[in-house]
Amino acid sequence: MKSTIAQVRTYERSVQLLMVNQFTINLGFYMLMPYLATHLAGPLGLAGWLVGLILGVRNFSQQGMFLVGGTLADRLGYKPMIIAGMVLRIVGFATLGLVDSVPALIAASAATGLAGALFNPATRAYLAADAGERRVEAFALFNVFYQAGILLGPLVGMVLTGIDFRITCLTAAAIFAVLSIVQIRALPARRADDALVRADGRRESVLAQWRSILANRPFLLFSVAMIGSYVMSFQVYLALPLEVRRLGGEGEFGTAAVAVLFAVSGLTTILGQTRVTAWCKARMEPGQALVRGLLTMGVAFVPLLLATAVPVPDDGIGLWLLAAVPPALSALLLALGTMIAYPFEMDTIVRLSGDRLVATHYGLYNTICGVGITLGNLLTGAALDAARNAGVSALPWIALLLLGFACAAALYGLHRAGRLAAPAPAAQPDPATA
């Protein structure tokens, strides 16, 4: 960890602040969100469909507004969007803890989602701009802080929620309030994208801006090819815990084994991300690293696939090992695959944008992958149900393994065709003939 902090200190103050910000953002978010459904269904007594609606509104408002958030960041500047997102999170989190009416809860949930859509693209574009040629290493460090927040947040939230969920909400809101003040005082302003100004001095319209991005075929192909990586990595929260509980039950063992999954994923990233990135950068081109990252994520489901060939013990340590070890190995390999791919993924988006409208590219990319995650999770859930009903427990793991191989093959094709390289600069008009 000391070497990680030492690396962070070699970057500009703005980059350092953005990394600490992301840790704090995830700390505040994950100390509250894992316990929101229990609060809504328990003390507030809401029906299951209302709980699903409130949680779904947050996800929809974030994924659906990423493109708008990125566009505003490119037009108005990165810092204003980061601050606006923080303020919305303060309002949303405080409201979730203080109200019990369904309309207010839906509005608060929408506000927390919109907040992420505002500051996520702006933060990544800001980091890419200020890290310069060291973008890959910067995003590796960024992922360390990102995962540290995810790992620590639920632990803090568990303690606070044990006292009162309102305290959790207000503490999370207070964290974002402090973070907002720090942003206002210490984060340097970033100008809006100069590329929006045309040769005649007028600003490019939003529709023209979106049309230019939708015409960027390599970027769109890359975005679609990367959907599978997010579907696979999300299984740490969906398929793997369900498999643990299917075999280990809903008791203390099942709860502990699921906690181990999250700890394996988070700690592996915190301890190994910078080393993995340095090793890959020294030996691979970005496209090769992406392919190997996706392959590793696909192979992550092999331990679960092999475990389906083992007879399930009735009880005892044999059952516990079968319920815990294959999912933990899968979580480890998923974390490794993400570590390999993530920094080069973020860097590739910047390169494919041609360093123009970077936040908008990040916004559209997040929206595409977000829609893909939703569809992928629906299909994964259907595969889990079909496997249970048909008695073919290997089905979901085969599907996820093939998904990893298919996405890796698509990225390999894009890499070999030169589609992952930066676009050639547009020709400038000759002033003598303009």
Protein backbone atom coordinates (compact mmCIF):
# COMPACT_ATOMS: atom_id res chain seq x y z
CA MET A 1 0.00 0.00 0.00
CA LYS A 2 2.96 2.31 0.68
CA SER A 3 4.11 1.94 -2.92
CA THR A 4 0.58 2.84 -4.11
CA ILE A 5 0.57 6.03 -2.05
CA ALA A 6 4.06 6.86 -3.34
CA GLN A 7 2.84 6.49 -6.94
CA VAL A 8 -0.16 8.71 -6.25
CA ARG A 9 2.15 11.46 -4.99
CA THR A 10 3.91 11.59 -8.36
CA TYR A 11 0.75 12.97 -10.02
CA GLU A 12 -0.63 16.48 -10.05
CA ARG A 13 -2.74 17.60 -7.11
CA SER A 14 -5.93 17.39 -9.15
CA VAL A 15 -5.32 13.71 -9.98
CA GLN A 16 -4.55 12.92 -6.35
CA LEU A 17 -7.76 14.62 -5.27
CA LEU A 18 -9.86 12.78 -7.85
CA MET A 19 -8.58 9.44 -6.59
CA VAL A 20 -9.33 10.27 -2.96
CA ASN A 21 -12.72 11.59 -4.09
CA GLN A 22 -13.60 8.29 -5.74
CA PHE A 23 -12.72 6.36 -2.59
CA THR A 24 -14.93 8.68 -0.54
CA ILE A 25 -17.76 8.55 -3.08
CA ASN A 26 -17.82 4.75 -2.98
CA LEU A 27 -17.46 4.71 0.80
CA GLY A 28 -20.56 6.88 1.18
CA PHE A 29 -22.53 5.06 -1.50
CA TYR A 30 -21.82 1.50 -0.39
CA MET A 31 -22.33 2.19 3.31
CA LEU A 32 -25.96 2.97 2.46
CA MET A 33 -27.13 1.19 -0.69
CA PRO A 34 -26.65 -2.46 0.38
CA TYR A 35 -29.02 -1.85 3.30
CA LEU A 36 -31.64 0.28 1.56
CA ALA A 37 -33.82 -2.60 0.37
CA THR A 38 -33.98 -4.04 3.91
CA HIS A 39 -34.96 -0.62 5.28
CA LEU A 40 -37.69 -0.17 2.69
CA ALA A 41 -39.16 -3.63 3.14
CA GLY A 42 -38.65 -3.84 6.93
CA PRO A 43 -39.21 -0.67 9.00
CA LEU A 44 -41.14 1.09 6.22
CA GLY A 45 -43.12 -2.05 5.31
CA LEU A 46 -43.21 -1.42 1.55
CA ALA A 47 -44.35 -4.13 -0.84
CA GLY A 48 -41.68 -5.97 -2.81
CA TRP A 49 -42.69 -4.37 -6.10
CA LEU A 50 -42.35 -0.90 -4.59
CA VAL A 51 -38.89 -1.74 -3.25
CA GLY A 52 -37.92 -2.94 -6.72
CA LEU A 53 -39.37 0.22 -8.28
CA ILE A 54 -37.45 2.55 -5.97
CA LEU A 55 -34.16 0.73 -6.53
CA GLY A 56 -34.82 0.47 -10.27
CA VAL A 57 -35.47 4.21 -10.56
CA ARG A 58 -31.99 4.89 -9.16
CA ASN A 59 -30.35 2.57 -11.67
CA PHE A 60 -32.41 3.87 -14.60
CA SER A 61 -31.82 7.53 -13.80
CA GLN A 62 -28.07 6.91 -13.64
CA GLN A 63 -27.65 4.70 -16.70
CA GLY A 64 -30.14 6.66 -18.77
CA MET A 65 -28.57 10.04 -18.01
CA PHE A 66 -24.87 9.23 -18.41
CA LEU A 67 -24.83 10.65 -21.94
CA VAL A 68 -26.46 13.89 -20.75
CA GLY A 69 -24.04 14.14 -17.84
CA GLY A 70 -21.04 13.65 -20.11
CA THR A 71 -22.36 16.19 -22.60
CA LEU A 72 -22.84 18.80 -19.90
CA ALA A 73 -19.34 18.15 -18.58
CA ASP A 74 -17.82 18.78 -22.02
CA ARG A 75 -19.85 21.94 -22.50
CA LEU A 76 -19.80 23.47 -19.02
CA GLY A 77 -16.60 22.07 -17.55
CA TYR A 78 -15.76 19.05 -15.44
CA LYS A 79 -15.71 20.69 -12.00
CA PRO A 80 -19.28 22.10 -12.11
CA MET A 81 -20.69 18.66 -12.94
CA ILE A 82 -18.70 17.00 -10.18
CA ILE A 83 -20.01 19.55 -7.67
CA ALA A 84 -23.58 19.25 -8.97
CA GLY A 85 -23.46 15.48 -8.59
CA MET A 86 -22.18 15.80 -5.03
CA VAL A 87 -24.98 18.17 -4.07
CA LEU A 88 -27.61 15.85 -5.54
CA ARG A 89 -26.18 12.95 -3.56
CA ILE A 90 -26.40 14.99 -0.35
CA VAL A 91 -30.07 15.76 -0.99
CA GLY A 92 -30.87 12.21 -2.11
CA PHE A 93 -29.16 10.41 0.77
CA ALA A 94 -30.58 12.74 3.44
CA THR A 95 -34.07 12.35 1.99
CA LEU A 96 -33.83 8.55 1.95
CA GLY A 97 -33.22 8.60 5.67
CA LEU A 98 -35.77 11.22 6.68
CA VAL A 99 -38.94 10.46 4.67
CA ASP A 100 -41.29 7.51 4.42
CA SER A 101 -43.67 8.54 1.60
CA VAL A 102 -43.27 6.62 -1.64
CA PRO A 103 -43.17 9.68 -3.97
CA ALA A 104 -40.41 11.28 -1.87
CA LEU A 105 -38.44 8.04 -1.78
CA ILE A 106 -38.72 7.68 -5.56
CA ALA A 107 -37.55 11.27 -6.04
CA ALA A 108 -34.62 10.73 -3.66
CA SER A 109 -33.64 7.53 -5.44
CA ALA A 110 -33.76 9.30 -8.81
CA ALA A 111 -31.59 12.10 -7.41
CA THR A 112 -28.90 9.68 -6.23
CA GLY A 113 -28.84 8.06 -9.67
CA LEU A 114 -28.71 11.34 -11.56
CA ALA A 115 -25.85 12.42 -9.29
CA GLY A 116 -23.73 9.50 -10.52
CA ALA A 117 -24.57 10.35 -14.12
CA LEU A 118 -23.27 13.87 -13.57
CA PHE A 119 -19.98 13.26 -11.80
CA ASN A 120 -18.85 9.87 -13.17
CA PRO A 121 -18.10 10.90 -16.79
CA ALA A 122 -16.69 14.24 -15.62
CA THR A 123 -14.36 12.58 -13.11
CA ARG A 124 -12.96 10.10 -15.62
CA ALA A 125 -12.51 12.73 -18.32
CA TYR A 126 -10.80 15.06 -15.84
CA LEU A 127 -8.48 12.26 -14.68
CA ALA A 128 -7.60 11.32 -18.27
CA ALA A 129 -6.85 14.94 -19.16
CA ASP A 130 -4.61 15.70 -16.18
CA ALA A 131 -2.82 12.33 -16.15
CA GLY A 132 -1.67 12.91 -19.75
CA GLU A 133 0.63 10.18 -21.06
CA ARG A 134 0.35 8.33 -17.75
CA ARG A 135 -3.37 7.63 -18.18
CA VAL A 136 -3.06 3.84 -17.95
CA GLU A 137 -1.17 3.96 -14.65
CA ALA A 138 -3.53 6.65 -13.33
CA PHE A 139 -6.61 4.53 -14.04
CA ALA A 140 -4.93 1.56 -12.36
CA LEU A 141 -4.47 3.64 -9.20
CA PHE A 142 -8.00 4.99 -9.59
CA ASN A 143 -9.33 1.42 -9.53
CA VAL A 144 -7.45 0.74 -6.29
CA PHE A 145 -9.20 3.65 -4.57
CA TYR A 146 -12.49 2.67 -6.22
CA GLN A 147 -12.35 -0.88 -4.86
CA ALA A 148 -11.17 0.25 -1.43
CA GLY A 149 -14.35 2.33 -1.09
CA ILE A 150 -16.50 -0.62 -2.15
CA LEU A 151 -14.74 -2.88 0.36
CA LEU A 152 -14.92 -0.52 3.36
CA GLY A 153 -18.34 1.05 2.73
CA PRO A 154 -20.56 -1.94 3.63
CA LEU A 155 -18.56 -2.56 6.82
CA VAL A 156 -19.09 1.01 8.02
CA GLY A 157 -22.73 0.84 6.93
CA MET A 158 -23.29 -2.40 8.85
CA VAL A 159 -22.14 -0.75 12.09
CA LEU A 160 -24.19 2.42 11.56
CA THR A 161 -27.31 0.60 10.33
CA GLY A 162 -27.15 -1.55 13.44
CA ILE A 163 -27.84 1.66 15.37
CA ASP A 164 -30.32 3.30 13.00
CA PHE A 165 -30.59 3.42 9.21
CA ARG A 166 -31.27 7.15 9.41
CA ILE A 167 -27.83 7.62 10.94
CA THR A 168 -26.33 5.75 7.97
CA CYS A 169 -28.13 8.03 5.50
CA LEU A 170 -27.21 11.23 7.30
CA THR A 171 -23.60 10.12 7.72
CA ALA A 172 -23.37 9.35 4.00
CA ALA A 173 -24.89 12.76 3.22
CA ALA A 174 -22.39 14.42 5.57
CA ILE A 175 -19.50 12.66 3.83
CA PHE A 176 -20.66 14.05 0.49
CA ALA A 177 -21.13 17.50 2.03
CA VAL A 178 -17.53 17.55 3.26
CA LEU A 179 -16.38 16.22 -0.09
CA SER A 180 -18.28 18.99 -1.90
CA ILE A 181 -16.58 21.67 0.18
CA VAL A 182 -13.18 20.12 -0.57
CA GLN A 183 -14.00 20.04 -4.29
CA ILE A 184 -15.07 23.67 -4.35
CA ARG A 185 -11.98 24.85 -2.53
CA ALA A 186 -9.23 22.54 -3.85
CA LEU A 187 -10.18 21.12 -7.25
CA PRO A 188 -8.85 23.32 -10.08
CA ALA A 189 -11.41 24.37 -12.67
CA ARG A 190 -11.35 22.56 -16.00
CA ARG A 191 -12.51 24.44 -19.11
CA ALA A 192 -15.17 22.98 -21.35
CA ASP A 193 -13.94 21.17 -24.45
CA ASP A 194 -12.36 23.64 -26.89
CA ALA A 195 -13.27 21.23 -29.69
CA LEU A 196 -16.87 22.42 -29.33
CA VAL A 197 -15.91 25.74 -30.90
CA ARG A 198 -16.13 25.60 -34.69
CA ALA A 199 -13.91 27.43 -37.14
CA ASP A 200 -16.48 30.23 -37.44
CA GLY A 201 -16.35 30.82 -33.67
CA ARG A 202 -19.77 29.29 -32.89
CA ARG A 203 -20.23 26.36 -30.52
CA GLU A 204 -21.15 22.99 -31.94
CA SER A 205 -24.72 21.97 -31.14
CA VAL A 206 -25.50 19.03 -28.87
CA LEU A 207 -27.14 17.10 -31.71
CA ALA A 208 -24.11 17.62 -33.95
CA GLN A 209 -21.92 16.49 -31.08
CA TRP A 210 -23.95 13.29 -30.59
CA ARG A 211 -24.06 12.59 -34.32
CA SER A 212 -20.28 12.77 -34.50
CA ILE A 213 -19.95 10.23 -31.69
CA LEU A 214 -22.54 7.89 -33.18
CA ALA A 215 -20.58 8.06 -36.43
CA ASN A 216 -17.47 6.86 -34.57
CA ARG A 217 -17.80 3.23 -35.60
CA PRO A 218 -14.67 1.90 -33.84
CA PHE A 219 -15.84 3.43 -30.56
CA LEU A 220 -19.32 1.90 -30.87
CA LEU A 221 -17.92 -1.52 -31.77
CA PHE A 222 -15.54 -1.37 -28.83
CA SER A 223 -18.38 -0.37 -26.48
CA VAL A 224 -20.54 -3.30 -27.56
CA ALA A 225 -17.61 -5.75 -27.35
CA MET A 226 -16.91 -4.64 -23.76
CA ILE A 227 -20.47 -5.21 -22.52
CA GLY A 228 -19.61 -8.80 -21.69
CA SER A 229 -16.87 -7.73 -19.29
CA TYR A 230 -19.40 -5.88 -17.16
CA VAL A 231 -21.92 -8.71 -17.30
CA MET A 232 -19.25 -11.16 -16.14
CA SER A 233 -17.81 -8.96 -13.40
CA PHE A 234 -21.32 -8.26 -12.05
CA GLN A 235 -21.74 -11.97 -11.29
CA VAL A 236 -19.78 -11.40 -8.08
CA TYR A 237 -23.01 -9.75 -6.90
CA LEU A 238 -25.51 -12.06 -8.64
CA ALA A 239 -24.65 -15.59 -9.75
CA LEU A 240 -21.78 -16.32 -7.36
CA PRO A 241 -23.67 -15.42 -4.14
CA LEU A 242 -26.70 -17.36 -5.39
CA GLU A 243 -24.50 -20.40 -6.00
CA VAL A 244 -22.96 -20.10 -2.53
CA ARG A 245 -26.39 -19.95 -0.93
CA ARG A 246 -27.76 -22.75 -3.14
CA LEU A 247 -25.17 -25.14 -1.73
CA GLY A 248 -24.33 -23.61 1.64
CA GLY A 249 -27.78 -22.43 2.68
CA GLU A 250 -29.02 -19.12 4.06
CA GLY A 251 -27.45 -19.47 7.50
CA GLU A 252 -24.28 -18.02 8.98
CA PHE A 253 -22.03 -20.08 6.71
CA GLY A 254 -23.73 -18.77 3.56
CA THR A 255 -23.48 -15.18 4.78
CA ALA A 256 -19.80 -15.59 5.67
CA ALA A 257 -18.98 -17.25 2.35
CA VAL A 258 -20.64 -14.42 0.40
CA ALA A 259 -18.64 -11.90 2.42
CA VAL A 260 -15.48 -13.79 1.45
CA LEU A 261 -16.37 -13.33 -2.24
CA PHE A 262 -16.46 -9.56 -1.87
CA ALA A 263 -13.30 -9.53 0.25
CA VAL A 264 -11.40 -11.64 -2.30
CA SER A 265 -12.47 -9.36 -5.14
CA GLY A 266 -11.69 -6.09 -3.36
CA LEU A 267 -8.44 -7.07 -1.63
CA THR A 268 -7.02 -8.67 -4.75
CA THR A 269 -7.51 -5.42 -6.64
CA ILE A 270 -6.16 -3.23 -3.85
CA LEU A 271 -3.01 -5.32 -3.43
CA GLY A 272 -2.32 -6.27 -7.04
CA GLN A 273 -3.71 -3.69 -9.47
CA THR A 274 -0.62 -1.52 -9.95
CA ARG A 275 1.70 -4.51 -10.28
CA VAL A 276 -0.55 -6.21 -12.83
CA THR A 277 -0.86 -3.01 -14.87
CA ALA A 278 2.90 -2.41 -14.87
CA TRP A 279 3.54 -6.01 -15.96
CA CYS A 280 0.97 -5.85 -18.76
CA LYS A 281 2.08 -2.45 -20.05
CA ALA A 282 5.69 -3.64 -20.30
CA ARG A 283 4.76 -6.73 -22.32
CA MET A 284 1.56 -6.07 -24.27
CA GLU A 285 -0.15 -3.62 -26.55
CA PRO A 286 -3.41 -2.20 -25.15
CA GLY A 287 -5.52 -4.38 -27.45
CA GLN A 288 -3.67 -7.52 -26.35
CA ALA A 289 -4.18 -6.65 -22.69
CA LEU A 290 -7.90 -6.18 -23.28
CA VAL A 291 -8.17 -9.55 -25.03
CA ARG A 292 -6.32 -11.34 -22.23
CA GLY A 293 -8.38 -9.59 -19.60
CA LEU A 294 -11.63 -10.76 -21.19
CA LEU A 295 -10.27 -14.28 -21.65
CA THR A 296 -9.33 -14.40 -17.97
CA MET A 297 -12.82 -13.27 -17.01
CA GLY A 298 -14.34 -16.00 -19.16
CA VAL A 299 -12.03 -18.64 -17.66
CA ALA A 300 -13.15 -17.43 -14.21
CA PHE A 301 -16.26 -19.58 -14.55
CA VAL A 302 -14.33 -22.80 -15.17
CA PRO A 303 -13.98 -23.60 -11.42
CA LEU A 304 -17.77 -23.42 -11.08
CA LEU A 305 -18.21 -25.50 -14.22
CA LEU A 306 -15.84 -28.18 -12.93
CA ALA A 307 -17.59 -28.17 -9.55
CA THR A 308 -20.84 -29.23 -11.22
CA ALA A 309 -19.19 -32.59 -12.03
CA VAL A 310 -18.53 -33.24 -8.34
CA PRO A 311 -21.25 -35.06 -6.35
CA VAL A 312 -22.78 -32.74 -3.78
CA PRO A 313 -22.13 -34.01 -0.22
CA ASP A 314 -25.09 -34.13 2.14
CA ASP A 315 -23.37 -31.99 4.75
CA GLY A 316 -20.13 -31.42 6.60
CA ILE A 317 -16.89 -29.86 5.51
CA GLY A 318 -17.13 -31.35 2.02
CA LEU A 319 -20.32 -29.39 1.35
CA TRP A 320 -18.80 -26.21 2.78
CA LEU A 321 -15.72 -26.49 0.61
CA LEU A 322 -17.82 -27.09 -2.50
CA ALA A 323 -20.02 -24.10 -1.68
CA ALA A 324 -17.16 -21.71 -0.91
CA VAL A 325 -13.98 -22.61 -2.82
CA PRO A 326 -15.11 -22.63 -6.50
CA PRO A 327 -16.99 -19.29 -6.17
CA ALA A 328 -13.99 -17.75 -4.35
CA LEU A 329 -11.65 -18.90 -7.15
CA SER A 330 -14.05 -17.44 -9.70
CA ALA A 331 -14.14 -14.13 -7.82
CA LEU A 332 -10.34 -14.10 -7.76
CA LEU A 333 -10.08 -14.69 -11.52
CA LEU A 334 -12.77 -12.11 -12.27
CA ALA A 335 -10.81 -9.58 -10.24
CA LEU A 336 -7.62 -10.49 -12.09
CA GLY A 337 -9.30 -10.14 -15.48
CA THR A 338 -10.70 -6.76 -14.50
CA MET A 339 -7.29 -5.64 -13.26
CA ILE A 340 -5.76 -6.55 -16.60
CA ALA A 341 -8.42 -4.89 -18.74
CA TYR A 342 -9.74 -1.86 -16.82
CA PRO A 343 -6.86 0.66 -17.15
CA PHE A 344 -6.44 -0.11 -20.86
CA GLU A 345 -10.23 0.03 -21.34
CA MET A 346 -10.41 3.55 -19.92
CA ASP A 347 -7.39 4.62 -21.97
CA THR A 348 -8.84 3.14 -25.16
CA ILE A 349 -12.00 5.23 -24.79
CA VAL A 350 -9.86 8.38 -24.70
CA ARG A 351 -7.83 7.27 -27.74
CA LEU A 352 -10.92 6.36 -29.77
CA SER A 353 -12.44 9.74 -28.94
CA GLY A 354 -9.39 11.43 -30.46
CA ASP A 355 -9.13 13.44 -27.20
CA ARG A 356 -12.35 15.21 -28.20
CA LEU A 357 -15.61 15.19 -26.21
CA VAL A 358 -14.04 12.70 -23.81
CA ALA A 359 -16.71 13.04 -21.09
CA THR A 360 -19.49 12.53 -23.66
CA HIS A 361 -17.76 9.40 -24.93
CA TYR A 362 -17.51 8.10 -21.36
CA GLY A 363 -21.18 8.91 -20.83
CA LEU A 364 -22.37 7.02 -23.92
CA TYR A 365 -20.02 4.14 -23.11
CA ASN A 366 -21.48 3.83 -19.60
CA THR A 367 -25.01 3.91 -20.97
CA ILE A 368 -24.31 1.17 -23.52
CA CYS A 369 -22.64 -1.02 -20.90
CA GLY A 370 -25.38 -0.26 -18.37
CA VAL A 371 -28.10 -1.43 -20.74
CA GLY A 372 -25.97 -4.49 -21.49
CA ILE A 373 -25.62 -5.28 -17.78
CA THR A 374 -29.39 -5.14 -17.31
CA LEU A 375 -30.06 -7.48 -20.24
CA GLY A 376 -27.15 -9.72 -19.28
CA ASN A 377 -28.40 -10.08 -15.72
CA LEU A 378 -31.89 -10.92 -16.93
CA LEU A 379 -30.46 -13.64 -19.16
CA THR A 380 -28.17 -14.90 -16.40
CA GLY A 381 -31.10 -15.08 -14.02
CA ALA A 382 -33.10 -16.97 -16.64
CA ALA A 383 -30.19 -19.39 -17.14
CA LEU A 384 -29.95 -19.98 -13.38
CA ASP A 385 -33.68 -20.72 -13.19
CA ALA A 386 -33.54 -22.99 -16.25
CA ALA A 387 -30.54 -24.84 -14.81
CA ARG A 388 -32.35 -25.38 -11.51
CA ASN A 389 -35.57 -26.58 -13.17
CA ALA A 390 -33.84 -28.86 -15.67
CA GLY A 391 -31.24 -30.16 -13.24
CA VAL A 392 -28.41 -28.93 -15.49
CA SER A 393 -26.34 -26.89 -13.05
CA ALA A 394 -23.55 -26.34 -15.59
CA LEU A 395 -25.73 -24.26 -17.95
CA PRO A 396 -25.10 -20.72 -16.58
CA TRP A 397 -21.35 -21.30 -16.24
CA ILE A 398 -21.09 -22.57 -19.82
CA ALA A 399 -23.02 -19.52 -21.04
CA LEU A 400 -20.76 -17.10 -19.13
CA LEU A 401 -17.62 -18.91 -20.29
CA LEU A 402 -18.75 -18.63 -23.92
CA LEU A 403 -19.63 -14.96 -23.36
CA GLY A 404 -16.06 -14.29 -22.23
CA PHE A 405 -14.59 -16.07 -25.22
CA ALA A 406 -16.94 -14.28 -27.64
CA CYS A 407 -16.07 -10.83 -26.27
CA ALA A 408 -12.35 -11.64 -26.30
CA ALA A 409 -12.67 -12.78 -29.93
CA ALA A 410 -14.46 -9.55 -30.85
CA LEU A 411 -11.74 -7.45 -29.22
CA TYR A 412 -9.05 -9.52 -30.93
CA GLY A 413 -10.69 -8.79 -34.28
CA LEU A 414 -10.85 -5.06 -33.54
CA HIS A 415 -7.21 -5.06 -32.42
CA ARG A 416 -5.97 -6.93 -35.50
CA ALA A 417 -7.96 -4.61 -37.77
CA GLY A 418 -6.41 -1.54 -36.14
CA ARG A 419 -9.81 -0.38 -34.85
CA LEU A 420 -8.51 0.25 -31.32
CA ALA A 421 -5.90 2.79 -32.42
CA ALA A 422 -6.41 6.53 -32.17
CA PRO A 423 -8.20 7.97 -35.23
CA ALA A 424 -6.15 9.97 -37.71
CA PRO A 425 -6.44 13.73 -37.08
CA ALA A 426 -8.95 15.46 -39.29
CA ALA A 427 -7.47 17.51 -42.11
CA GLN A 428 -7.48 21.24 -41.44
CA PRO A 429 -8.81 23.55 -44.15
CA ASP A 430 -6.25 25.67 -46.01
CA PRO A 431 -6.68 29.29 -44.84
CA ALA A 432 -5.84 30.48 -48.35
CA THR A 433 -8.84 28.64 -49.81
CA ALA A 434 -11.24 28.80 -46.87
